[in-house]
Amino acid sequence: MAEVFAYTDGACSGNPGPGGWGVLLVARDGERVVKERALSGGEPTTTNNRMELLAAISALETLGRPSRITIVTDSVYVKDGITKWIHGWKAKGWKTAAKKPVKNEELWRRLDEATQRHDVTWEWVKGHAGHPENERADELARAGMAPFKDKRPA
């Protein structure tokens, strides 16, 4: 049975500014790659954290059926948010420990819902450290940002 890995990344030129997200989905049977699929997208005005979240959301929402998936991200924000912080946010009515509204709540809710359909394992890797799949996800994120980069509002 193939294992699915999603290598995700977000990019932003300015924060906020034009941004993009990228996902490299890889299905492996042992060490053998069975299938690969690249996804990317972007927005004209966004933040890096939103793009990191959208990459993970897109990876999960793209899967047509419940799957066992490992999401590999270089974002501590996404990994710790979904594996640690979200439980407290939900218990406190989507408020932080400081009683402030959770930033990007709509994306966190969407990610939470998307994870419910799958058996998800989260892994963190250091970004820009030569990890081939993470570098590819970064390229996809930058490609997703490209159409918006030269169209900044005056």
N, C-alpha and C. Protein backbone atom coordinates (compact mmCIF):
# COMPACT_ATOMS: atom_id res chain seq x y z
N MET A 1 0.84 -1.19 0.00
CA MET A 1 0.00 0.00 0.00
C MET A 1 0.89 1.25 0.00
N ALA A 2 0.56 2.19 -0.84
CA ALA A 2 1.34 3.41 -0.96
C ALA A 2 1.13 4.32 0.24
N GLU A 3 2.21 4.96 0.65
CA GLU A 3 2.14 6.00 1.68
C GLU A 3 2.17 7.34 0.98
N VAL A 4 1.40 8.30 1.49
CA VAL A 4 1.35 9.63 0.89
C VAL A 4 2.11 10.60 1.77
N PHE A 5 2.96 11.39 1.13
CA PHE A 5 3.70 12.45 1.79
C PHE A 5 3.35 13.76 1.10
N ALA A 6 3.11 14.80 1.88
CA ALA A 6 2.85 16.12 1.33
C ALA A 6 3.91 17.06 1.88
N TYR A 7 4.72 17.58 0.98
CA TYR A 7 5.75 18.56 1.33
C TYR A 7 5.15 19.92 1.05
N THR A 8 5.01 20.76 2.07
CA THR A 8 4.27 22.01 1.93
C THR A 8 5.15 23.21 2.25
N ASP A 9 4.85 24.33 1.60
CA ASP A 9 5.57 25.55 1.92
C ASP A 9 4.74 26.76 1.51
N GLY A 10 5.02 27.87 2.15
CA GLY A 10 4.40 29.15 1.83
C GLY A 10 5.48 30.18 1.60
N ALA A 11 5.15 31.20 0.82
CA ALA A 11 6.10 32.28 0.54
C ALA A 11 5.34 33.60 0.48
N CYS A 12 6.02 34.66 0.82
CA CYS A 12 5.40 35.98 0.78
C CYS A 12 6.48 37.00 0.47
N SER A 13 6.13 37.97 -0.37
CA SER A 13 7.05 39.06 -0.69
C SER A 13 6.52 40.30 0.05
N GLY A 14 7.09 40.53 1.22
CA GLY A 14 6.50 41.49 2.15
C GLY A 14 5.55 40.69 3.03
N ASN A 15 5.24 41.19 4.19
CA ASN A 15 4.39 40.43 5.09
C ASN A 15 3.49 41.41 5.85
N PRO A 16 2.38 41.87 5.30
CA PRO A 16 1.68 41.28 4.15
C PRO A 16 2.24 41.75 2.80
N GLY A 17 1.86 40.99 1.81
CA GLY A 17 2.25 41.26 0.43
C GLY A 17 1.75 40.14 -0.44
N PRO A 18 2.18 40.11 -1.70
CA PRO A 18 1.79 39.00 -2.55
C PRO A 18 2.40 37.70 -2.01
N GLY A 19 1.63 36.63 -2.07
CA GLY A 19 2.11 35.38 -1.50
C GLY A 19 1.70 34.18 -2.32
N GLY A 20 2.36 33.07 -2.03
CA GLY A 20 2.03 31.82 -2.72
C GLY A 20 2.23 30.63 -1.80
N TRP A 21 1.61 29.54 -2.17
CA TRP A 21 1.76 28.30 -1.44
C TRP A 21 2.08 27.19 -2.44
N GLY A 22 2.78 26.17 -1.96
CA GLY A 22 3.13 25.05 -2.82
C GLY A 22 3.06 23.74 -2.08
N VAL A 23 2.70 22.70 -2.81
CA VAL A 23 2.60 21.35 -2.25
C VAL A 23 3.19 20.37 -3.25
N LEU A 24 4.07 19.51 -2.79
CA LEU A 24 4.52 18.38 -3.57
C LEU A 24 3.95 17.14 -2.91
N LEU A 25 2.98 16.51 -3.57
CA LEU A 25 2.38 15.27 -3.07
C LEU A 25 3.14 14.10 -3.68
N VAL A 26 3.59 13.19 -2.84
CA VAL A 26 4.36 12.04 -3.30
C VAL A 26 3.77 10.78 -2.68
N ALA A 27 3.38 9.84 -3.54
CA ALA A 27 2.93 8.53 -3.06
C ALA A 27 4.10 7.57 -3.25
N ARG A 28 4.45 6.88 -2.17
CA ARG A 28 5.59 5.95 -2.20
C ARG A 28 5.14 4.56 -1.79
N ASP A 29 5.70 3.57 -2.47
CA ASP A 29 5.57 2.18 -2.08
C ASP A 29 6.97 1.77 -1.63
N GLY A 30 7.20 1.81 -0.32
CA GLY A 30 8.56 1.63 0.18
C GLY A 30 9.38 2.84 -0.24
N GLU A 31 10.49 2.59 -0.92
CA GLU A 31 11.34 3.68 -1.41
C GLU A 31 10.95 4.13 -2.81
N ARG A 32 10.09 3.37 -3.46
CA ARG A 32 9.72 3.65 -4.85
C ARG A 32 8.60 4.67 -4.93
N VAL A 33 8.84 5.74 -5.72
CA VAL A 33 7.81 6.75 -5.94
C VAL A 33 6.80 6.20 -6.94
N VAL A 34 5.54 6.14 -6.52
CA VAL A 34 4.46 5.61 -7.36
C VAL A 34 3.82 6.74 -8.17
N LYS A 35 3.66 7.90 -7.51
CA LYS A 35 2.98 9.02 -8.16
C LYS A 35 3.43 10.31 -7.50
N GLU A 36 3.52 11.37 -8.31
CA GLU A 36 3.84 12.69 -7.81
C GLU A 36 2.86 13.69 -8.39
N ARG A 37 2.50 14.68 -7.58
CA ARG A 37 1.61 15.73 -8.06
C ARG A 37 2.02 17.05 -7.40
N ALA A 38 2.12 18.09 -8.21
CA ALA A 38 2.49 19.41 -7.71
C ALA A 38 1.26 20.31 -7.71
N LEU A 39 1.10 21.08 -6.64
CA LEU A 39 0.00 22.03 -6.50
C LEU A 39 0.58 23.38 -6.09
N SER A 40 -0.04 24.45 -6.56
CA SER A 40 0.38 25.77 -6.10
C SER A 40 -0.74 26.77 -6.32
N GLY A 41 -0.65 27.87 -5.62
CA GLY A 41 -1.61 28.94 -5.74
C GLY A 41 -1.09 30.15 -5.01
N GLY A 42 -1.86 31.22 -5.06
CA GLY A 42 -1.40 32.42 -4.37
C GLY A 42 -2.49 33.45 -4.23
N GLU A 43 -2.15 34.55 -3.60
CA GLU A 43 -3.07 35.66 -3.36
C GLU A 43 -2.30 36.97 -3.50
N PRO A 44 -3.01 38.03 -3.90
CA PRO A 44 -2.32 39.31 -4.10
C PRO A 44 -1.85 39.99 -2.80
N THR A 45 -2.60 39.83 -1.72
CA THR A 45 -2.24 40.45 -0.44
C THR A 45 -2.51 39.45 0.67
N THR A 46 -1.44 38.97 1.30
CA THR A 46 -1.58 37.92 2.29
C THR A 46 -0.36 37.94 3.21
N THR A 47 -0.26 36.92 4.05
CA THR A 47 0.90 36.78 4.93
C THR A 47 1.53 35.41 4.73
N ASN A 48 2.76 35.28 5.17
CA ASN A 48 3.46 34.01 5.06
C ASN A 48 2.71 32.91 5.83
N ASN A 49 2.23 33.23 7.03
CA ASN A 49 1.52 32.22 7.82
C ASN A 49 0.27 31.73 7.12
N ARG A 50 -0.47 32.63 6.48
CA ARG A 50 -1.67 32.21 5.74
C ARG A 50 -1.29 31.28 4.59
N MET A 51 -0.19 31.56 3.92
CA MET A 51 0.23 30.71 2.80
C MET A 51 0.70 29.34 3.29
N GLU A 52 1.38 29.31 4.43
CA GLU A 52 1.78 28.03 5.02
C GLU A 52 0.55 27.19 5.36
N LEU A 53 -0.46 27.83 5.94
CA LEU A 53 -1.71 27.14 6.27
C LEU A 53 -2.41 26.64 5.01
N LEU A 54 -2.50 27.49 3.99
CA LEU A 54 -3.19 27.08 2.76
C LEU A 54 -2.49 25.92 2.06
N ALA A 55 -1.18 25.85 2.18
CA ALA A 55 -0.46 24.72 1.59
C ALA A 55 -0.91 23.41 2.26
N ALA A 56 -0.94 23.39 3.58
CA ALA A 56 -1.35 22.17 4.30
C ALA A 56 -2.82 21.84 4.02
N ILE A 57 -3.67 22.86 4.02
CA ILE A 57 -5.09 22.66 3.72
C ILE A 57 -5.27 22.08 2.32
N SER A 58 -4.58 22.66 1.36
CA SER A 58 -4.70 22.20 -0.03
C SER A 58 -4.25 20.76 -0.19
N ALA A 59 -3.18 20.40 0.51
CA ALA A 59 -2.70 19.01 0.45
C ALA A 59 -3.79 18.05 0.91
N LEU A 60 -4.43 18.37 2.03
CA LEU A 60 -5.45 17.48 2.59
C LEU A 60 -6.74 17.49 1.77
N GLU A 61 -7.15 18.68 1.32
CA GLU A 61 -8.42 18.77 0.58
C GLU A 61 -8.32 18.17 -0.82
N THR A 62 -7.11 18.04 -1.34
CA THR A 62 -6.92 17.47 -2.68
C THR A 62 -7.15 15.96 -2.69
N LEU A 63 -6.90 15.32 -1.56
CA LEU A 63 -7.04 13.86 -1.50
C LEU A 63 -8.51 13.48 -1.62
N GLY A 64 -8.82 12.65 -2.59
CA GLY A 64 -10.21 12.29 -2.88
C GLY A 64 -10.85 11.35 -1.88
N ARG A 65 -10.04 10.61 -1.15
CA ARG A 65 -10.59 9.67 -0.17
C ARG A 65 -9.75 9.71 1.10
N PRO A 66 -10.31 9.25 2.20
CA PRO A 66 -9.52 9.24 3.44
C PRO A 66 -8.20 8.50 3.23
N SER A 67 -7.13 9.09 3.69
CA SER A 67 -5.79 8.56 3.45
C SER A 67 -4.92 8.68 4.69
N ARG A 68 -3.87 7.87 4.69
CA ARG A 68 -2.81 8.04 5.69
C ARG A 68 -1.78 8.94 5.02
N ILE A 69 -1.51 10.08 5.63
CA ILE A 69 -0.65 11.08 5.01
C ILE A 69 0.31 11.68 6.04
N THR A 70 1.52 11.90 5.61
CA THR A 70 2.51 12.62 6.42
C THR A 70 2.69 13.98 5.77
N ILE A 71 2.42 15.02 6.55
CA ILE A 71 2.63 16.38 6.05
C ILE A 71 3.96 16.87 6.60
N VAL A 72 4.85 17.23 5.68
CA VAL A 72 6.18 17.70 6.03
C VAL A 72 6.21 19.20 5.78
N THR A 73 6.41 19.97 6.83
CA THR A 73 6.37 21.43 6.74
C THR A 73 7.61 22.03 7.39
N ASP A 74 8.01 23.20 6.92
CA ASP A 74 9.08 23.92 7.60
C ASP A 74 8.50 25.01 8.50
N SER A 75 7.20 24.96 8.73
CA SER A 75 6.51 25.96 9.54
C SER A 75 6.19 25.41 10.93
N VAL A 76 6.89 25.92 11.93
CA VAL A 76 6.58 25.57 13.33
C VAL A 76 5.18 26.07 13.66
N TYR A 77 4.81 27.22 13.10
CA TYR A 77 3.48 27.80 13.31
C TYR A 77 2.39 26.79 12.93
N VAL A 78 2.49 26.18 11.76
CA VAL A 78 1.48 25.22 11.32
C VAL A 78 1.55 23.94 12.15
N LYS A 79 2.74 23.38 12.29
CA LYS A 79 2.87 22.11 13.00
C LYS A 79 2.42 22.22 14.46
N ASP A 80 2.92 23.22 15.17
CA ASP A 80 2.54 23.36 16.58
C ASP A 80 1.09 23.83 16.71
N GLY A 81 0.64 24.66 15.78
CA GLY A 81 -0.74 25.13 15.83
C GLY A 81 -1.73 23.99 15.75
N ILE A 82 -1.52 23.07 14.81
CA ILE A 82 -2.49 21.99 14.60
C ILE A 82 -2.30 20.83 15.58
N THR A 83 -1.09 20.65 16.11
CA THR A 83 -0.86 19.52 17.01
C THR A 83 -0.94 19.89 18.49
N LYS A 84 -0.77 21.18 18.81
CA LYS A 84 -0.73 21.59 20.21
C LYS A 84 -1.74 22.69 20.53
N TRP A 85 -1.60 23.82 19.89
CA TRP A 85 -2.34 25.02 20.30
C TRP A 85 -3.83 24.94 20.01
N ILE A 86 -4.22 24.26 18.95
CA ILE A 86 -5.63 24.28 18.51
C ILE A 86 -6.59 23.76 19.59
N HIS A 87 -6.13 22.81 20.36
CA HIS A 87 -7.00 22.23 21.40
C HIS A 87 -7.42 23.30 22.41
N GLY A 88 -6.46 24.13 22.84
CA GLY A 88 -6.77 25.21 23.77
C GLY A 88 -7.63 26.29 23.12
N TRP A 89 -7.32 26.61 21.85
CA TRP A 89 -8.12 27.61 21.15
C TRP A 89 -9.58 27.20 21.08
N LYS A 90 -9.81 25.95 20.73
CA LYS A 90 -11.19 25.47 20.61
C LYS A 90 -11.88 25.50 21.98
N ALA A 91 -11.17 25.08 23.01
CA ALA A 91 -11.74 25.04 24.36
C ALA A 91 -12.08 26.45 24.86
N LYS A 92 -11.33 27.44 24.39
CA LYS A 92 -11.53 28.83 24.83
C LYS A 92 -12.34 29.64 23.82
N GLY A 93 -13.07 28.97 22.93
CA GLY A 93 -13.89 29.69 21.96
C GLY A 93 -13.08 30.46 20.94
N TRP A 94 -11.99 29.83 20.48
CA TRP A 94 -11.09 30.42 19.48
C TRP A 94 -10.45 31.71 19.97
N LYS A 95 -10.04 31.66 21.24
CA LYS A 95 -9.26 32.74 21.83
C LYS A 95 -7.89 32.18 22.24
N THR A 96 -6.89 33.06 22.21
CA THR A 96 -5.55 32.66 22.62
C THR A 96 -5.47 32.66 24.15
N ALA A 97 -4.33 32.26 24.67
CA ALA A 97 -4.12 32.29 26.12
C ALA A 97 -4.24 33.71 26.64
N ALA A 98 -3.93 34.69 25.78
CA ALA A 98 -4.05 36.10 26.16
C ALA A 98 -5.47 36.64 25.95
N LYS A 99 -6.41 35.73 25.66
CA LYS A 99 -7.82 36.07 25.46
C LYS A 99 -8.08 36.93 24.22
N LYS A 100 -7.17 36.86 23.27
CA LYS A 100 -7.33 37.58 22.00
C LYS A 100 -7.82 36.60 20.93
N PRO A 101 -8.51 37.10 19.90
CA PRO A 101 -8.97 36.20 18.83
C PRO A 101 -7.77 35.52 18.14
N VAL A 102 -7.94 34.27 17.81
CA VAL A 102 -6.90 33.52 17.09
C VAL A 102 -6.77 34.10 15.69
N LYS A 103 -5.54 34.44 15.31
CA LYS A 103 -5.30 34.94 13.95
C LYS A 103 -5.50 33.80 12.97
N ASN A 104 -6.07 34.12 11.84
CA ASN A 104 -6.32 33.14 10.77
C ASN A 104 -7.29 32.04 11.19
N GLU A 105 -8.22 32.40 12.07
CA GLU A 105 -9.16 31.40 12.61
C GLU A 105 -9.86 30.61 11.52
N GLU A 106 -10.32 31.27 10.44
CA GLU A 106 -11.05 30.56 9.40
C GLU A 106 -10.18 29.50 8.73
N LEU A 107 -8.89 29.76 8.61
CA LEU A 107 -7.99 28.77 8.02
C LEU A 107 -7.69 27.64 9.01
N TRP A 108 -7.53 27.97 10.28
CA TRP A 108 -7.33 26.92 11.29
C TRP A 108 -8.55 25.99 11.35
N ARG A 109 -9.75 26.57 11.28
CA ARG A 109 -10.96 25.75 11.29
C ARG A 109 -10.99 24.83 10.05
N ARG A 110 -10.63 25.39 8.91
CA ARG A 110 -10.61 24.61 7.67
C ARG A 110 -9.57 23.49 7.75
N LEU A 111 -8.40 23.80 8.30
CA LEU A 111 -7.36 22.78 8.46
C LEU A 111 -7.82 21.70 9.44
N ASP A 112 -8.42 22.11 10.53
CA ASP A 112 -8.93 21.16 11.52
C ASP A 112 -9.94 20.22 10.88
N GLU A 113 -10.86 20.78 10.12
CA GLU A 113 -11.87 19.95 9.45
C GLU A 113 -11.21 18.99 8.44
N ALA A 114 -10.25 19.48 7.68
CA ALA A 114 -9.59 18.64 6.68
C ALA A 114 -8.81 17.49 7.33
N THR A 115 -8.24 17.73 8.51
CA THR A 115 -7.48 16.66 9.17
C THR A 115 -8.39 15.55 9.69
N GLN A 116 -9.66 15.88 9.94
CA GLN A 116 -10.58 14.88 10.49
C GLN A 116 -10.84 13.74 9.50
N ARG A 117 -10.69 13.99 8.22
CA ARG A 117 -10.96 12.98 7.19
C ARG A 117 -9.79 12.03 6.94
N HIS A 118 -8.64 12.33 7.54
CA HIS A 118 -7.43 11.58 7.23
C HIS A 118 -6.70 11.16 8.50
N ASP A 119 -5.77 10.22 8.34
CA ASP A 119 -4.85 9.83 9.40
C ASP A 119 -3.57 10.61 9.12
N VAL A 120 -3.38 11.71 9.85
CA VAL A 120 -2.31 12.66 9.53
C VAL A 120 -1.18 12.58 10.55
N THR A 121 0.03 12.51 10.04
CA THR A 121 1.24 12.64 10.84
C THR A 121 1.91 13.93 10.39
N TRP A 122 2.39 14.70 11.35
CA TRP A 122 3.05 15.98 11.05
C TRP A 122 4.54 15.87 11.31
N GLU A 123 5.34 16.35 10.36
CA GLU A 123 6.79 16.38 10.53
C GLU A 123 7.29 17.78 10.19
N TRP A 124 8.26 18.24 10.96
CA TRP A 124 8.89 19.52 10.69
C TRP A 124 10.28 19.28 10.12
N VAL A 125 10.64 20.07 9.11
CA VAL A 125 12.00 20.07 8.58
C VAL A 125 12.50 21.52 8.55
N LYS A 126 13.78 21.68 8.70
CA LYS A 126 14.37 23.02 8.61
C LYS A 126 14.26 23.49 7.17
N GLY A 127 13.72 24.69 6.98
CA GLY A 127 13.58 25.26 5.65
C GLY A 127 14.90 25.73 5.08
N HIS A 128 14.99 25.71 3.77
CA HIS A 128 16.17 26.20 3.04
C HIS A 128 17.45 25.53 3.53
N ALA A 129 17.34 24.23 3.80
CA ALA A 129 18.49 23.48 4.31
C ALA A 129 18.87 22.33 3.38
N GLY A 130 18.43 22.41 2.13
CA GLY A 130 18.83 21.41 1.15
C GLY A 130 17.96 20.16 1.12
N HIS A 131 16.83 20.16 1.82
CA HIS A 131 15.90 19.02 1.77
C HIS A 131 15.22 19.08 0.40
N PRO A 132 15.45 18.11 -0.50
CA PRO A 132 14.99 18.23 -1.89
C PRO A 132 13.49 18.48 -2.05
N GLU A 133 12.66 17.75 -1.31
CA GLU A 133 11.22 17.93 -1.47
C GLU A 133 10.75 19.26 -0.88
N ASN A 134 11.38 19.70 0.21
CA ASN A 134 11.04 20.99 0.77
C ASN A 134 11.46 22.12 -0.17
N GLU A 135 12.60 21.96 -0.81
CA GLU A 135 13.05 22.95 -1.79
C GLU A 135 12.08 23.02 -2.97
N ARG A 136 11.58 21.87 -3.38
CA ARG A 136 10.60 21.83 -4.49
C ARG A 136 9.30 22.52 -4.07
N ALA A 137 8.85 22.27 -2.84
CA ALA A 137 7.64 22.94 -2.34
C ALA A 137 7.86 24.45 -2.30
N ASP A 138 9.05 24.89 -1.94
CA ASP A 138 9.37 26.32 -1.93
C ASP A 138 9.30 26.89 -3.34
N GLU A 139 9.84 26.16 -4.33
CA GLU A 139 9.75 26.60 -5.72
C GLU A 139 8.30 26.74 -6.16
N LEU A 140 7.47 25.78 -5.77
CA LEU A 140 6.04 25.82 -6.12
C LEU A 140 5.36 27.02 -5.46
N ALA A 141 5.72 27.30 -4.21
CA ALA A 141 5.14 28.45 -3.51
C ALA A 141 5.53 29.75 -4.21
N ARG A 142 6.80 29.85 -4.60
CA ARG A 142 7.24 31.06 -5.29
C ARG A 142 6.55 31.18 -6.66
N ALA A 143 6.31 30.05 -7.32
CA ALA A 143 5.58 30.07 -8.60
C ALA A 143 4.14 30.51 -8.38
N GLY A 144 3.53 30.08 -7.27
CA GLY A 144 2.17 30.49 -6.95
C GLY A 144 2.07 31.98 -6.67
N MET A 145 3.14 32.56 -6.15
CA MET A 145 3.18 33.98 -5.84
C MET A 145 3.45 34.82 -7.08
N ALA A 146 4.15 34.27 -8.05
CA ALA A 146 4.64 35.03 -9.21
C ALA A 146 3.58 35.87 -9.91
N PRO A 147 2.38 35.35 -10.18
CA PRO A 147 1.39 36.17 -10.91
C PRO A 147 0.96 37.43 -10.16
N PHE A 148 1.17 37.45 -8.84
CA PHE A 148 0.71 38.58 -8.03
C PHE A 148 1.84 39.55 -7.68
N LYS A 149 3.06 39.10 -7.87
CA LYS A 149 4.22 39.86 -7.39
C LYS A 149 4.36 41.22 -8.07
N ASP A 150 4.06 41.31 -9.35
CA ASP A 150 4.21 42.57 -10.07
C ASP A 150 2.92 43.36 -10.12
N LYS A 151 1.90 42.94 -9.38
CA LYS A 151 0.60 43.60 -9.42
C LYS A 151 0.22 44.20 -8.09
N ARG A 152 1.21 44.67 -7.36
CA ARG A 152 0.92 45.29 -6.06
C ARG A 152 0.13 46.57 -6.25
N PRO A 153 -0.83 46.82 -5.36
CA PRO A 153 -1.59 48.08 -5.46
C PRO A 153 -0.65 49.27 -5.23
N ALA A 154 -0.92 50.33 -5.92
CA ALA A 154 -0.05 51.53 -5.82
C ALA A 154 -0.31 52.28 -4.54
